[in-house]
């Protein structure tokens, strides 16, 4: 689609085509705005929503908003924005019913909802959900620009007025005039070498927002999922904590330390730990991994158990694969989710006029630790609210804007380093400094490294090099924000654990 096709007078531009962006886009379109969605790949793919389990936690079908409010605040160590949590708990059920009226297939029961029935496979539990949302968006007249990286937000008289962008496959740069912009870019999991986030989750929204002075909160709180496959040759992917209910999970000495800890914490099952105690569990897993390793004893599973849907859900990878590897397998935590982000009000408004945000790119809902399943509920509730209000408050767009210039973090040189190599280097250092267990001295050293990092030059030889180069800005901004916040908070709390 050429840029001329999408030039109209009153426009909401949504950056990101995961669940938050798609819900926001549909809501804005139904509220009367012309809507354009920017996606770094083809729409809906390579998003955390698509790769999520497809299960939502919410107050519904007999679980009261008051009960769920209390549990969400308690899990977040009361650092949450209580006003946002109140909206989440009180409006989730009605917002899900709105999506169902749109045509999204959702199954609801007490305390949860699921879209797994529409998933193409067990690994991509939310892909059916995003596929349905994308189809609805297109039928409503939402326009998509694929293969496009948002590189900068244009301000006019203190208000967001447009989005500079670059097609990473062709190198074409353009700028879309916009009366309102919604950030729905997800978190920044790719700053880490160990993450279950797709490759395009590079903190773009954090960079875009910080460049124009938006206010942030809670960036030190990065949630690590306790169980991830760490066996050499295995994909970097999570295994549900409920696996502890089916097989022995031991330390190097053979102790079932996790079950012992669960009793001490007052939890009866791995499912409860996954919902409410990921912070404690991930920290324990990291400590045991460093002491000699953590092992899941797959030899405990019978062929019959491997056919059990609950066991298959816990393994996450194809259960047939494990028939040939019935032996102890190494496990370790993986980065999973950013609890902090851009500060918003109850409608997704940020501190910058004309800029809205929803989903993981925002902070406030989760506090210091997230309830399992709340991420997907967050994108639905606040995606809907942000899209609706952005359309209503959208100002008339300005005329055509100049395309802008190269907005990558690094200067380009023929003899520059390959961006993929630089990316891997940053990820390894971020994991050491900002992983589940942190030390002030390491964080300080990492901040020094980041200061030198932006002065290096890169070489761009292929379209993929260009994409990696453009994403470096988000990776750098995100890593810096997490490091600065982690250094500032001396005490340990929730997902932020310092041992110095």
Protein backbone atom coordinates (compact mmCIF):
# COMPACT_ATOMS: atom_id res chain seq x y z
CA UNK A 1 0.00 0.00 0.00
CA UNK A 2 1.48 3.37 -0.97
CA UNK A 3 1.48 6.20 1.53
CA UNK A 4 -0.77 8.27 -0.72
CA UNK A 5 -3.57 5.76 -0.26
CA UNK A 6 -3.66 6.29 3.48
CA UNK A 7 -3.40 10.09 3.58
CA UNK A 8 -6.71 11.34 5.03
CA UNK A 9 -7.69 14.15 7.39
CA UNK A 10 -8.43 12.50 10.74
CA UNK A 11 -6.24 9.53 11.56
CA UNK A 12 -5.22 7.28 14.43
CA UNK A 13 -1.96 5.45 13.81
CA UNK A 14 -1.41 2.29 15.83
CA UNK A 15 2.15 1.01 16.18
CA UNK A 16 2.07 -2.74 16.70
CA UNK A 17 -0.17 -5.53 15.42
CA UNK A 18 -0.40 -7.82 18.44
CA UNK A 19 -3.52 -8.16 20.55
CA UNK A 20 -3.33 -4.69 22.11
CA UNK A 21 -2.80 -2.95 18.77
CA UNK A 22 -5.54 -4.88 16.98
CA UNK A 23 -8.14 -4.31 19.70
CA UNK A 24 -7.20 -0.61 19.79
CA UNK A 25 -7.38 -0.35 16.00
CA UNK A 26 -10.85 -1.91 15.81
CA UNK A 27 -12.15 0.23 18.67
CA UNK A 28 -10.79 3.41 17.06
CA UNK A 29 -12.24 2.49 13.68
CA UNK A 30 -15.65 1.74 15.15
CA UNK A 31 -15.49 5.12 16.90
CA UNK A 32 -15.13 6.83 13.51
CA UNK A 33 -11.40 7.33 12.92
CA UNK A 34 -9.35 6.41 9.89
CA UNK A 35 -6.92 3.86 11.29
CA UNK A 36 -3.50 2.73 10.10
CA UNK A 37 -1.59 -0.10 11.80
CA UNK A 38 2.18 -0.39 11.44
CA UNK A 39 3.73 -3.85 11.73
CA UNK A 40 7.40 -4.84 11.50
CA UNK A 41 6.43 -8.14 9.88
CA UNK A 42 3.17 -9.32 8.39
CA UNK A 43 0.29 -8.44 10.65
CA UNK A 44 -0.29 -10.55 13.80
CA UNK A 45 2.86 -12.67 13.39
CA UNK A 46 5.97 -12.42 15.59
CA UNK A 47 3.91 -10.96 18.45
CA UNK A 48 3.79 -12.09 22.06
CA UNK A 49 0.01 -12.41 21.82
CA UNK A 50 0.29 -14.98 19.04
CA UNK A 51 2.80 -17.04 21.02
CA UNK A 52 0.97 -16.71 24.34
CA UNK A 53 -0.85 -19.58 26.00
CA UNK A 54 -4.16 -18.03 24.99
CA UNK A 55 -5.52 -18.03 28.55
CA UNK A 56 -6.76 -14.86 30.29
CA UNK A 57 -7.22 -14.28 34.02
CA UNK A 58 -10.13 -12.02 34.93
CA UNK A 59 -13.03 -11.40 37.26
CA UNK A 60 -15.90 -13.19 35.55
CA UNK A 61 -18.47 -15.94 35.81
CA UNK A 62 -18.65 -15.84 39.60
CA UNK A 63 -15.22 -14.50 40.58
CA UNK A 64 -15.90 -11.00 41.90
CA UNK A 65 -13.98 -7.88 40.85
CA UNK A 66 -13.19 -7.22 44.52
CA UNK A 67 -11.57 -10.64 44.94
CA UNK A 68 -9.53 -10.24 41.79
CA UNK A 69 -8.54 -6.67 42.62
CA UNK A 70 -7.15 -7.86 45.96
CA UNK A 71 -5.18 -10.72 44.37
CA UNK A 72 -3.72 -8.49 41.63
CA UNK A 73 -2.60 -5.83 44.11
CA UNK A 74 -1.15 -8.44 46.47
CA UNK A 75 0.79 -10.14 43.66
CA UNK A 76 2.12 -6.76 42.52
CA UNK A 77 3.33 -6.01 46.07
CA UNK A 78 0.90 -3.05 46.13
CA UNK A 79 3.10 -1.04 43.79
CA UNK A 80 0.35 -1.21 41.15
CA UNK A 81 -1.68 1.82 40.08
CA UNK A 82 -4.88 0.93 41.95
CA UNK A 83 -7.05 2.98 39.58
CA UNK A 84 -5.83 0.94 36.60
CA UNK A 85 -6.29 -2.33 38.48
CA UNK A 86 -9.83 -1.30 39.39
CA UNK A 87 -10.62 -0.75 35.70
CA UNK A 88 -9.01 -4.06 34.78
CA UNK A 89 -11.00 -6.02 37.32
CA UNK A 90 -14.33 -4.27 36.84
CA UNK A 91 -14.43 -3.93 33.05
CA UNK A 92 -12.75 -7.10 31.78
CA UNK A 93 -15.87 -9.24 31.54
CA UNK A 94 -17.91 -6.63 29.66
CA UNK A 95 -15.01 -5.88 27.31
CA UNK A 96 -14.62 -9.57 26.50
CA UNK A 97 -18.33 -9.69 25.73
CA UNK A 98 -17.79 -6.79 23.33
CA UNK A 99 -15.08 -8.76 21.52
CA UNK A 100 -17.41 -11.73 21.31
CA UNK A 101 -20.03 -9.50 19.67
CA UNK A 102 -17.36 -8.48 17.17
CA UNK A 103 -17.01 -12.15 16.28
CA UNK A 104 -14.03 -13.28 18.37
CA UNK A 105 -14.46 -16.81 19.72
CA UNK A 106 -13.78 -16.87 23.45
CA UNK A 107 -14.65 -19.47 26.08
CA UNK A 108 -15.23 -18.11 29.58
CA UNK A 109 -15.47 -19.79 32.97
CA UNK A 110 -15.03 -18.66 36.56
CA UNK A 111 -11.90 -16.55 36.80
CA UNK A 112 -10.60 -17.07 33.28
CA UNK A 113 -11.16 -17.03 29.54
CA UNK A 114 -9.51 -18.95 26.73
CA UNK A 115 -8.95 -18.62 22.99
CA UNK A 116 -6.92 -21.83 22.69
CA UNK A 117 -9.73 -23.52 20.75
CA UNK A 118 -8.86 -21.37 17.72
CA UNK A 119 -5.07 -21.82 18.03
CA UNK A 120 -3.27 -23.44 15.07
CA UNK A 121 -1.08 -25.44 17.47
CA UNK A 122 -0.21 -25.73 21.14
CA UNK A 123 2.80 -23.44 20.89
CA UNK A 124 0.90 -20.47 19.43
CA UNK A 125 -2.07 -20.39 21.78
CA UNK A 126 -3.02 -16.82 20.85
CA UNK A 127 -2.49 -16.96 17.08
CA UNK A 128 -6.11 -17.81 16.34
CA UNK A 129 -7.14 -14.85 18.48
CA UNK A 130 -4.90 -12.38 16.65
CA UNK A 131 -5.96 -13.85 13.31
CA UNK A 132 -9.62 -13.26 14.09
CA UNK A 133 -8.91 -9.71 15.28
CA UNK A 134 -6.93 -8.92 12.12
CA UNK A 135 -9.76 -10.19 9.92
CA UNK A 136 -12.27 -8.05 11.83
CA UNK A 137 -9.99 -5.02 11.56
CA UNK A 138 -9.65 -5.42 7.79
CA UNK A 139 -13.40 -5.85 7.39
CA UNK A 140 -13.90 -2.59 9.29
CA UNK A 141 -11.53 -0.74 6.94
CA UNK A 142 -8.40 -0.62 9.09
CA UNK A 143 -5.32 -0.24 6.87
CA UNK A 144 -2.09 -2.16 7.50
CA UNK A 145 1.46 -1.22 6.58
CA UNK A 146 3.60 -4.34 6.95
CA UNK A 147 7.42 -4.61 7.08
CA UNK A 148 7.47 -1.13 8.61
CA UNK A 149 9.49 0.15 11.57
CA UNK A 150 8.29 3.29 13.35
CA UNK A 151 11.49 5.27 13.83
CA UNK A 152 10.36 8.54 15.41
CA UNK A 153 7.28 10.46 16.56
CA UNK A 154 6.84 13.93 15.08
CA UNK A 155 5.72 16.72 17.42
CA UNK A 156 3.93 19.92 16.42
CA UNK A 157 3.17 22.53 19.09
CA UNK A 158 3.83 19.98 21.82
CA UNK A 159 1.44 17.39 20.43
CA UNK A 160 2.14 14.20 18.49
CA UNK A 161 1.41 14.95 14.84
CA UNK A 162 2.92 12.09 12.87
CA UNK A 163 4.97 8.93 12.73
CA UNK A 164 8.25 8.65 10.84
CA UNK A 165 8.79 5.13 9.56
CA UNK A 166 11.01 3.02 7.35
CA UNK A 167 10.26 -0.07 5.29
CA UNK A 168 13.17 -2.26 6.30
CA UNK A 169 12.95 -4.42 3.18
CA UNK A 170 13.20 -1.51 0.72
CA UNK A 171 14.73 1.29 2.79
CA UNK A 172 11.88 3.67 1.86
CA UNK A 173 11.23 6.36 4.49
CA UNK A 174 7.92 8.12 4.94
CA UNK A 175 5.98 10.05 7.57
CA UNK A 176 2.26 9.58 8.24
CA UNK A 177 0.45 12.64 9.60
CA UNK A 178 -1.63 11.49 12.57
CA UNK A 179 -4.05 13.19 14.92
CA UNK A 180 -3.38 10.51 17.52
CA UNK A 181 -0.82 7.72 17.91
CA UNK A 182 -1.26 4.56 19.97
CA UNK A 183 1.81 2.65 21.12
CA UNK A 184 1.08 -1.09 21.24
CA UNK A 185 4.61 -2.35 20.70
CA UNK A 186 4.86 -4.83 23.57
CA UNK A 187 7.85 -5.08 25.87
CA UNK A 188 11.57 -5.39 25.38
CA UNK A 189 12.37 -9.04 25.96
CA UNK A 190 14.98 -9.15 23.22
CA UNK A 191 17.43 -7.16 25.33
CA UNK A 192 18.10 -10.55 26.94
CA UNK A 193 19.91 -13.58 25.59
CA UNK A 194 17.43 -15.83 27.41
CA UNK A 195 13.83 -14.93 26.58
CA UNK A 196 10.72 -16.57 25.22
CA UNK A 197 9.71 -13.37 23.41
CA UNK A 198 9.67 -13.38 19.58
CA UNK A 199 12.57 -11.72 17.82
CA UNK A 200 10.77 -8.48 17.03
CA UNK A 201 10.02 -7.58 20.66
CA UNK A 202 12.82 -5.03 20.92
CA UNK A 203 11.49 -2.17 23.06
CA UNK A 204 10.62 0.09 20.13
CA UNK A 205 7.80 1.76 22.04
CA UNK A 206 10.04 2.64 24.96
CA UNK A 207 12.48 4.38 22.61
CA UNK A 208 9.75 6.25 20.74
CA UNK A 209 8.14 7.45 23.97
CA UNK A 210 11.35 8.41 25.76
CA UNK A 211 12.57 10.39 22.75
CA UNK A 212 9.64 12.82 23.17
CA UNK A 213 9.75 13.00 26.95
CA UNK A 214 7.01 10.59 28.02
CA UNK A 215 7.01 9.59 31.67
CA UNK A 216 7.88 6.00 32.66
CA UNK A 217 7.47 3.90 35.79
CA UNK A 218 8.64 0.56 37.26
CA UNK A 219 11.14 -0.31 34.53
CA UNK A 220 13.24 -2.34 36.98
CA UNK A 221 10.45 -4.92 37.26
CA UNK A 222 11.05 -7.50 34.56
CA UNK A 223 9.24 -10.79 35.05
CA UNK A 224 11.23 -13.96 34.44
CA UNK A 225 9.31 -17.15 33.86
CA UNK A 226 10.67 -19.77 36.29
CA UNK A 227 10.89 -22.80 34.01
CA UNK A 228 12.58 -22.58 30.63
CA UNK A 229 14.29 -25.32 28.65
CA UNK A 230 18.04 -24.87 29.09
CA UNK A 231 19.20 -28.17 27.62
CA UNK A 232 21.80 -27.67 24.85
CA UNK A 233 20.13 -27.84 21.46
CA UNK A 234 16.65 -27.12 22.83
CA UNK A 235 14.68 -24.05 21.76
CA UNK A 236 14.59 -21.20 24.26
CA UNK A 237 11.05 -21.70 25.43
CA UNK A 238 9.10 -21.95 28.64
CA UNK A 239 7.58 -24.99 30.35
CA UNK A 240 4.58 -24.35 32.56
CA UNK A 241 5.36 -24.34 36.29
CA UNK A 242 2.54 -26.86 36.68
CA UNK A 243 5.05 -29.40 35.33
CA UNK A 244 6.22 -29.78 38.94
CA UNK A 245 2.92 -31.55 39.64
CA UNK A 246 3.78 -34.31 37.15
CA UNK A 247 7.56 -34.83 37.30
CA UNK A 248 10.34 -34.33 39.82
CA UNK A 249 12.17 -31.02 39.50
CA UNK A 250 15.42 -31.25 41.43
CA UNK A 251 18.65 -29.43 42.10
CA UNK A 252 22.07 -30.91 41.38
CA UNK A 253 21.90 -32.92 44.61
CA UNK A 254 18.58 -34.50 43.70
CA UNK A 255 16.45 -32.52 46.17
CA UNK A 256 12.94 -31.58 45.10
CA UNK A 257 13.63 -28.02 46.21
CA UNK A 258 10.72 -26.48 44.32
CA UNK A 259 8.08 -28.59 46.04
CA UNK A 260 9.71 -27.79 49.37
CA UNK A 261 9.57 -24.08 48.58
CA UNK A 262 5.95 -24.27 47.43
CA UNK A 263 4.92 -25.66 50.83
CA UNK A 264 6.86 -22.91 52.56
CA UNK A 265 5.13 -20.25 50.42
CA UNK A 266 1.70 -21.73 51.07
CA UNK A 267 0.93 -22.96 47.55
CA UNK A 268 -0.50 -26.39 46.81
CA UNK A 269 0.20 -26.62 43.08
CA UNK A 270 2.46 -25.41 40.32
CA UNK A 271 -0.55 -23.72 38.78
CA UNK A 272 -0.91 -21.44 41.81
CA UNK A 273 2.78 -20.59 41.69
CA UNK A 274 2.52 -19.72 37.99
CA UNK A 275 -0.37 -17.37 38.70
CA UNK A 276 0.85 -15.59 41.81
CA UNK A 277 4.50 -16.33 42.67
CA UNK A 278 6.56 -16.18 39.49
CA UNK A 279 8.92 -13.70 41.12
CA UNK A 280 9.85 -15.96 44.05
CA UNK A 281 10.03 -19.05 41.88
CA UNK A 282 12.21 -17.48 39.17
CA UNK A 283 14.63 -16.16 41.77
CA UNK A 284 14.91 -19.60 43.37
CA UNK A 285 15.41 -21.24 39.98
CA UNK A 286 18.17 -18.77 39.09
CA UNK A 287 20.00 -19.42 42.34
CA UNK A 288 19.80 -23.19 41.97
CA UNK A 289 20.86 -23.00 38.31
CA UNK A 290 23.99 -21.11 39.34
CA UNK A 291 24.76 -23.63 42.08
CA UNK A 292 24.88 -26.63 39.76
CA UNK A 293 21.73 -26.79 37.73
CA UNK A 294 18.01 -27.56 37.85
CA UNK A 295 16.63 -30.70 36.24
CA UNK A 296 13.17 -31.81 35.14
CA UNK A 297 12.99 -35.60 35.31
CA UNK A 298 11.16 -36.45 32.11
CA UNK A 299 11.91 -40.12 32.73
CA UNK A 300 9.08 -39.95 35.29
CA UNK A 301 6.51 -39.64 32.50
CA UNK A 302 4.84 -42.73 31.08
CA UNK A 303 3.71 -42.91 27.46
CA UNK A 304 0.18 -42.54 28.73
CA UNK A 305 1.01 -39.35 30.60
CA UNK A 306 2.63 -37.89 27.49
CA UNK A 307 -0.81 -38.12 25.88
CA UNK A 308 -2.46 -36.27 28.77
CA UNK A 309 -3.54 -32.79 27.54
CA UNK A 310 -2.47 -31.25 30.87
CA UNK A 311 1.03 -32.69 30.55
CA UNK A 312 1.26 -31.59 26.92
CA UNK A 313 0.23 -28.07 27.95
CA UNK A 314 2.97 -28.02 30.62
CA UNK A 315 5.69 -29.21 28.24
CA UNK A 316 4.63 -26.55 25.65
CA UNK A 317 6.81 -28.16 22.98
CA UNK A 318 5.51 -31.10 20.94
CA UNK A 319 4.97 -33.95 23.40
CA UNK A 320 6.07 -36.51 20.81
CA UNK A 321 9.53 -34.95 20.91
CA UNK A 322 9.94 -35.98 24.54
CA UNK A 323 9.35 -39.68 23.89
CA UNK A 324 12.97 -39.95 22.78
CA UNK A 325 14.43 -37.81 25.58
CA UNK A 326 13.15 -39.46 28.73
CA UNK A 327 15.98 -38.27 30.95
CA UNK A 328 16.68 -35.34 33.27
CA UNK A 329 16.68 -32.08 31.29
CA UNK A 330 18.22 -28.79 32.37
CA UNK A 331 15.85 -25.95 33.21
CA UNK A 332 16.49 -22.26 33.90
CA UNK A 333 14.47 -19.02 34.01
CA UNK A 334 13.66 -17.02 30.87
CA UNK A 335 12.74 -13.36 30.51
CA UNK A 336 9.00 -13.30 29.95
CA UNK A 337 7.34 -9.91 30.51
CA UNK A 338 7.94 -6.23 31.34
CA UNK A 339 5.83 -5.09 34.29
CA UNK A 340 6.87 -1.45 33.89
CA UNK A 341 6.60 1.01 31.04
CA UNK A 342 4.96 4.23 29.89
CA UNK A 343 2.71 5.90 32.46
CA UNK A 344 -0.94 6.01 31.36
CA UNK A 345 -4.26 7.06 32.80
CA UNK A 346 -7.37 4.90 32.67
CA UNK A 347 -7.89 5.64 28.98
CA UNK A 348 -4.33 5.01 27.85
CA UNK A 349 -3.38 8.68 27.67
CA UNK A 350 0.33 9.29 28.26
CA UNK A 351 2.02 12.45 29.52
CA UNK A 352 2.41 13.65 25.90
CA UNK A 353 -0.65 15.08 24.14
CA UNK A 354 -1.84 12.92 21.28
CA UNK A 355 0.13 9.86 22.42
CA UNK A 356 -1.71 6.86 23.84
CA UNK A 357 -0.43 3.45 24.88
CA UNK A 358 -1.81 0.05 25.80
CA UNK A 359 -0.57 -3.41 26.71
CA UNK A 360 2.91 -4.43 27.81
CA UNK A 361 4.53 -1.16 26.74
CA UNK A 362 2.71 0.51 29.67
CA UNK A 363 3.34 0.39 33.40
CA UNK A 364 1.03 0.50 36.40
CA UNK A 365 -1.29 -2.48 36.08
CA UNK A 366 1.20 -5.06 37.34
CA UNK A 367 3.28 -3.28 39.94
CA UNK A 368 6.32 -5.30 40.99
CA UNK A 369 5.03 -8.66 39.71
CA UNK A 370 2.29 -9.76 37.32
CA UNK A 371 -0.54 -12.22 37.88
CA UNK A 372 -0.35 -15.02 35.32
CA UNK A 373 -2.94 -14.41 32.60
CA UNK A 374 -3.29 -10.69 33.31
CA UNK A 375 -1.14 -9.68 30.34
CA UNK A 376 -3.76 -10.78 27.83
CA UNK A 377 -6.58 -9.25 29.87
CA UNK A 378 -4.61 -6.00 29.98
CA UNK A 379 -4.34 -5.80 26.19
CA UNK A 380 -8.07 -6.32 25.74
CA UNK A 381 -9.30 -3.88 28.39
CA UNK A 382 -6.83 -1.06 27.77
CA UNK A 383 -6.55 -1.65 24.04
CA UNK A 384 -10.28 -1.07 23.79
CA UNK A 385 -10.23 2.01 26.01
CA UNK A 386 -7.19 3.57 24.28
CA UNK A 387 -8.58 3.02 20.80
CA UNK A 388 -11.98 4.42 21.67
CA UNK A 389 -10.72 7.58 23.35
CA UNK A 390 -7.95 8.20 20.80
CA UNK A 391 -10.55 8.28 18.03
CA UNK A 392 -12.73 10.72 19.96
CA UNK A 393 -9.86 13.02 20.89
CA UNK A 394 -8.05 12.74 17.56
CA UNK A 395 -7.27 16.13 16.06
CA UNK A 396 -7.36 16.84 12.35
CA UNK A 397 -4.12 15.63 10.82
CA UNK A 398 -1.72 18.05 9.20
CA UNK A 399 -0.86 17.88 5.52
CA UNK A 400 2.00 15.75 4.14
CA UNK A 401 5.16 15.77 6.27
CA UNK A 402 8.72 15.25 5.05
CA UNK A 403 9.99 11.71 5.39
CA UNK A 404 12.79 12.47 7.83
CA UNK A 405 16.28 10.96 7.91
CA UNK A 406 18.07 7.85 9.19
CA UNK A 407 16.92 7.32 12.77
CA UNK A 408 19.03 4.34 13.78
CA UNK A 409 21.06 4.43 16.99
CA UNK A 410 24.39 3.97 15.23
CA UNK A 411 26.09 5.70 12.34
CA UNK A 412 26.47 3.53 9.24
CA UNK A 413 29.90 2.74 7.81
CA UNK A 414 31.06 0.32 5.13
CA UNK A 415 33.51 -1.11 7.65
CA UNK A 416 31.04 -1.09 10.53
CA UNK A 417 30.18 -4.08 12.69
CA UNK A 418 27.30 -6.36 11.76
CA UNK A 419 24.21 -5.36 13.76
CA UNK A 420 23.34 -8.97 14.53
CA UNK A 421 26.70 -9.44 16.24
CA UNK A 422 26.27 -6.25 18.28
CA UNK A 423 22.77 -7.32 19.26
CA UNK A 424 23.99 -10.66 20.60
CA UNK A 425 26.75 -8.94 22.57
CA UNK A 426 24.27 -6.56 24.22
CA UNK A 427 21.90 -9.42 25.05
CA UNK A 428 24.57 -11.45 26.82
CA UNK A 429 25.71 -8.49 28.89
CA UNK A 430 22.13 -7.50 29.77
CA UNK A 431 21.42 -11.03 30.99
CA UNK A 432 24.44 -10.95 33.28
CA UNK A 433 23.63 -7.51 34.71
CA UNK A 434 19.83 -7.38 34.66
CA UNK A 435 18.76 -11.01 35.00
CA UNK A 436 16.73 -12.55 37.84
CA UNK A 437 19.51 -11.89 40.40
CA UNK A 438 21.22 -8.48 40.30
CA UNK A 439 24.25 -6.71 41.78
CA UNK A 440 24.80 -2.96 41.84
CA UNK A 441 28.39 -3.14 40.60
CA UNK A 442 27.41 -5.19 37.55
CA UNK A 443 24.59 -2.78 36.75
CA UNK A 444 26.99 0.18 36.92
CA UNK A 445 29.44 -1.58 34.60
CA UNK A 446 26.62 -2.36 32.19
CA UNK A 447 25.56 1.29 32.09
CA UNK A 448 29.13 2.21 31.23
CA UNK A 449 29.07 -0.35 28.44
CA UNK A 450 25.83 1.16 27.08
CA UNK A 451 27.44 4.59 26.99
CA UNK A 452 30.20 3.28 24.73
CA UNK A 453 27.84 1.04 22.78
CA UNK A 454 25.99 3.85 21.02
CA UNK A 455 29.24 5.31 19.66
CA UNK A 456 30.08 2.25 17.57
CA UNK A 457 29.38 2.09 13.84
CA UNK A 458 27.50 -0.61 11.97
CA UNK A 459 27.52 -1.98 8.46
CA UNK A 460 24.25 -2.58 6.62
CA UNK A 461 24.55 -5.01 3.72
CA UNK A 462 21.14 -6.71 3.66
CA UNK A 463 17.52 -5.84 4.49
CA UNK A 464 17.80 -7.93 7.65
CA UNK A 465 20.85 -5.90 8.66
CA UNK A 466 18.73 -2.78 8.22
CA UNK A 467 15.99 -4.19 10.45
CA UNK A 468 18.48 -5.15 13.16
CA UNK A 469 20.08 -1.72 12.90
CA UNK A 470 16.73 0.04 13.29
CA UNK A 471 15.82 -2.15 16.26
CA UNK A 472 19.06 -1.29 18.05
CA UNK A 473 17.61 2.01 19.22
CA UNK A 474 14.83 0.27 21.12
CA UNK A 475 17.16 -2.33 22.58
CA UNK A 476 19.57 0.33 23.82
CA UNK A 477 16.85 2.60 25.25
CA UNK A 478 15.15 -0.31 27.00
CA UNK A 479 18.33 -1.74 28.49
CA UNK A 480 19.33 1.70 29.74
CA UNK A 481 15.92 2.34 31.32
CA UNK A 482 15.91 -1.03 33.10
CA UNK A 483 19.49 -0.60 34.31
CA UNK A 484 18.95 2.93 35.63
CA UNK A 485 15.79 1.93 37.48
CA UNK A 486 17.40 -1.26 38.83
CA UNK A 487 20.40 0.68 40.12
CA UNK A 488 18.19 3.28 41.77
CA UNK A 489 16.06 0.75 43.66
CA UNK A 490 18.39 -0.59 46.33
CA UNK A 491 15.93 -2.91 48.05
CA UNK A 492 14.64 -6.17 46.59
CA UNK A 493 10.96 -6.27 45.69
CA UNK A 494 8.91 -8.53 43.45
CA UNK A 495 10.74 -9.37 40.25
CA UNK A 496 13.63 -7.03 41.14
CA UNK A 497 16.11 -8.92 43.32
CA UNK A 498 19.44 -7.48 44.41
CA UNK A 499 21.93 -9.51 46.41
CA UNK A 500 24.35 -6.70 47.29
